[in-house]
Amino acid sequence: MIVTISCILALLLISRNIEKPNVGPQLPFALPPLLPSISIPTFIAAMCAGHILGFILKFTLGAALPG
């Protein structure tokens, strides 16, 4: 659950901070209210950062959180 939430947050935050988020092939779907169009490399970069952040949070806060 922690990794899922961190991936969603990373997708929302990192995709807006990348210098050229629309360079490269576009995703075959769009998330209109939040992300109108992003490229596949932007999506992969955001998912990588979200997984890294999620695992860091999971292993550092894992002892404090149940489950």
N, C-alpha and C. Protein backbone atom coordinates (compact mmCIF):
# COMPACT_ATOMS: atom_id res chain seq x y z
N MET A 1 0.82 -1.19 0.00
CA MET A 1 0.00 0.00 0.00
C MET A 1 0.87 1.26 0.00
N ILE A 2 1.97 1.21 0.73
CA ILE A 2 2.87 2.37 0.79
C ILE A 2 3.50 2.63 -0.58
N VAL A 3 3.90 1.57 -1.26
CA VAL A 3 4.52 1.72 -2.57
C VAL A 3 3.51 2.23 -3.58
N THR A 4 2.29 1.77 -3.51
CA THR A 4 1.24 2.24 -4.43
C THR A 4 1.00 3.73 -4.26
N ILE A 5 0.87 4.17 -3.04
CA ILE A 5 0.62 5.59 -2.78
C ILE A 5 1.82 6.44 -3.21
N SER A 6 3.02 5.96 -2.94
CA SER A 6 4.20 6.73 -3.33
C SER A 6 4.34 6.79 -4.85
N CYS A 7 3.93 5.73 -5.55
CA CYS A 7 3.98 5.76 -7.02
C CYS A 7 2.98 6.75 -7.59
N ILE A 8 1.81 6.80 -7.03
CA ILE A 8 0.80 7.77 -7.49
C ILE A 8 1.27 9.19 -7.23
N LEU A 9 1.81 9.44 -6.04
CA LEU A 9 2.33 10.77 -5.73
C LEU A 9 3.51 11.14 -6.63
N ALA A 10 4.38 10.18 -6.88
CA ALA A 10 5.51 10.45 -7.76
C ALA A 10 5.04 10.76 -9.17
N LEU A 11 4.05 10.04 -9.64
CA LEU A 11 3.52 10.30 -10.98
C LEU A 11 2.95 11.71 -11.07
N LEU A 12 2.25 12.14 -10.04
CA LEU A 12 1.67 13.48 -10.05
C LEU A 12 2.72 14.57 -9.90
N LEU A 13 3.71 14.36 -9.05
CA LEU A 13 4.69 15.41 -8.78
C LEU A 13 5.85 15.42 -9.77
N ILE A 14 6.41 14.27 -10.05
CA ILE A 14 7.60 14.22 -10.90
C ILE A 14 7.26 14.53 -12.35
N SER A 15 6.10 14.09 -12.82
CA SER A 15 5.75 14.37 -14.21
C SER A 15 5.58 15.86 -14.47
N ARG A 16 5.30 16.63 -13.44
CA ARG A 16 5.19 18.09 -13.61
C ARG A 16 6.55 18.77 -13.51
N ASN A 17 7.53 18.11 -12.93
CA ASN A 17 8.85 18.72 -12.74
C ASN A 17 9.87 18.32 -13.79
N ILE A 18 9.56 17.37 -14.63
CA ILE A 18 10.47 16.98 -15.71
C ILE A 18 10.47 18.08 -16.76
N GLU A 19 11.66 18.40 -17.26
CA GLU A 19 11.80 19.54 -18.16
C GLU A 19 10.99 19.38 -19.45
N LYS A 20 11.04 18.20 -20.06
CA LYS A 20 10.30 17.95 -21.30
C LYS A 20 9.49 16.66 -21.15
N PRO A 21 8.33 16.71 -20.50
CA PRO A 21 7.58 15.48 -20.22
C PRO A 21 6.89 14.87 -21.44
N ASN A 22 6.81 15.59 -22.54
CA ASN A 22 6.08 15.07 -23.70
C ASN A 22 6.99 14.59 -24.82
N VAL A 23 8.29 14.47 -24.55
CA VAL A 23 9.24 14.00 -25.57
C VAL A 23 9.23 12.49 -25.57
N GLY A 24 9.09 11.91 -26.74
CA GLY A 24 9.06 10.46 -26.88
C GLY A 24 7.65 9.97 -27.17
N PRO A 25 7.49 8.65 -27.29
CA PRO A 25 6.17 8.11 -27.57
C PRO A 25 5.21 8.35 -26.41
N GLN A 26 3.97 8.67 -26.75
CA GLN A 26 2.96 8.97 -25.73
C GLN A 26 2.32 7.69 -25.23
N LEU A 27 1.80 7.76 -24.02
CA LEU A 27 1.04 6.64 -23.48
C LEU A 27 -0.23 6.44 -24.30
N PRO A 28 -0.70 5.22 -24.45
CA PRO A 28 -1.91 5.00 -25.25
C PRO A 28 -3.18 5.44 -24.54
N PHE A 29 -3.08 5.85 -23.30
CA PHE A 29 -4.23 6.35 -22.56
C PHE A 29 -3.85 7.66 -21.90
N ALA A 30 -4.84 8.44 -21.51
CA ALA A 30 -4.59 9.72 -20.84
C ALA A 30 -5.39 9.75 -19.55
N LEU A 31 -4.87 10.46 -18.60
CA LEU A 31 -5.58 10.69 -17.34
C LEU A 31 -5.99 12.16 -17.33
N PRO A 32 -7.09 12.49 -18.00
CA PRO A 32 -7.43 13.89 -18.30
C PRO A 32 -7.44 14.86 -17.12
N PRO A 33 -8.03 14.53 -15.99
CA PRO A 33 -8.08 15.58 -14.96
C PRO A 33 -6.72 15.90 -14.35
N LEU A 34 -5.83 14.93 -14.28
CA LEU A 34 -4.56 15.16 -13.59
C LEU A 34 -3.38 15.25 -14.54
N LEU A 35 -3.29 14.34 -15.49
CA LEU A 35 -2.17 14.29 -16.42
C LEU A 35 -2.71 14.19 -17.83
N PRO A 36 -2.85 15.30 -18.55
CA PRO A 36 -3.45 15.24 -19.88
C PRO A 36 -2.70 14.33 -20.84
N SER A 37 -1.40 14.47 -20.94
CA SER A 37 -0.63 13.57 -21.80
C SER A 37 0.80 13.56 -21.30
N ILE A 38 1.33 12.37 -21.09
CA ILE A 38 2.72 12.22 -20.72
C ILE A 38 3.32 11.15 -21.60
N SER A 39 4.63 11.18 -21.70
CA SER A 39 5.30 10.19 -22.54
C SER A 39 5.62 8.94 -21.73
N ILE A 40 5.96 7.90 -22.45
CA ILE A 40 6.32 6.64 -21.79
C ILE A 40 7.58 6.80 -20.94
N PRO A 41 8.63 7.50 -21.42
CA PRO A 41 9.80 7.70 -20.55
C PRO A 41 9.48 8.48 -19.27
N THR A 42 8.58 9.45 -19.35
CA THR A 42 8.18 10.18 -18.16
C THR A 42 7.46 9.26 -17.19
N PHE A 43 6.59 8.42 -17.70
CA PHE A 43 5.86 7.47 -16.86
C PHE A 43 6.82 6.50 -16.18
N ILE A 44 7.78 5.98 -16.93
CA ILE A 44 8.75 5.03 -16.37
C ILE A 44 9.61 5.71 -15.30
N ALA A 45 10.05 6.93 -15.56
CA ALA A 45 10.87 7.66 -14.57
C ALA A 45 10.08 7.90 -13.29
N ALA A 46 8.82 8.29 -13.41
CA ALA A 46 8.00 8.54 -12.23
C ALA A 46 7.74 7.25 -11.46
N MET A 47 7.51 6.14 -12.17
CA MET A 47 7.29 4.86 -11.48
C MET A 47 8.56 4.38 -10.78
N CYS A 48 9.71 4.58 -11.40
CA CYS A 48 10.97 4.20 -10.75
C CYS A 48 11.18 5.00 -9.47
N ALA A 49 10.99 6.31 -9.56
CA ALA A 49 11.16 7.15 -8.37
C ALA A 49 10.13 6.79 -7.31
N GLY A 50 8.91 6.48 -7.71
CA GLY A 50 7.88 6.10 -6.75
C GLY A 50 8.21 4.80 -6.04
N HIS A 51 8.75 3.84 -6.77
CA HIS A 51 9.13 2.57 -6.15
C HIS A 51 10.31 2.76 -5.19
N ILE A 52 11.29 3.55 -5.60
CA ILE A 52 12.42 3.81 -4.71
C ILE A 52 11.95 4.49 -3.43
N LEU A 53 11.15 5.53 -3.58
CA LEU A 53 10.62 6.24 -2.41
C LEU A 53 9.75 5.32 -1.56
N GLY A 54 8.93 4.52 -2.19
CA GLY A 54 8.05 3.60 -1.46
C GLY A 54 8.82 2.57 -0.66
N PHE A 55 9.86 2.00 -1.24
CA PHE A 55 10.64 1.00 -0.52
C PHE A 55 11.45 1.63 0.61
N ILE A 56 11.94 2.84 0.39
CA ILE A 56 12.63 3.53 1.49
C ILE A 56 11.67 3.79 2.64
N LEU A 57 10.47 4.27 2.32
CA LEU A 57 9.47 4.49 3.38
C LEU A 57 9.05 3.20 4.04
N LYS A 58 8.91 2.15 3.25
CA LYS A 58 8.46 0.87 3.81
C LYS A 58 9.49 0.29 4.77
N PHE A 59 10.76 0.38 4.41
CA PHE A 59 11.78 -0.20 5.27
C PHE A 59 12.16 0.68 6.45
N THR A 60 11.98 1.99 6.32
CA THR A 60 12.29 2.86 7.46
C THR A 60 11.11 3.01 8.40
N LEU A 61 9.91 3.03 7.86
CA LEU A 61 8.72 3.16 8.71
C LEU A 61 8.03 1.83 8.94
N GLY A 62 8.58 0.78 8.38
CA GLY A 62 7.94 -0.55 8.47
C GLY A 62 7.75 -1.05 9.88
N ALA A 63 8.67 -0.73 10.74
CA ALA A 63 8.56 -1.19 12.13
C ALA A 63 7.45 -0.44 12.87
N ALA A 64 7.18 0.79 12.45
CA ALA A 64 6.18 1.59 13.14
C ALA A 64 4.76 1.35 12.63
N LEU A 65 4.66 0.86 11.38
CA LEU A 65 3.34 0.67 10.77
C LEU A 65 2.92 -0.79 10.84
N PRO A 66 1.66 -1.05 11.11
CA PRO A 66 1.19 -2.45 11.10
C PRO A 66 1.08 -2.98 9.68
N GLY A 67 1.24 -4.26 9.52
CA GLY A 67 1.06 -4.90 8.22
C GLY A 67 2.31 -4.96 7.50
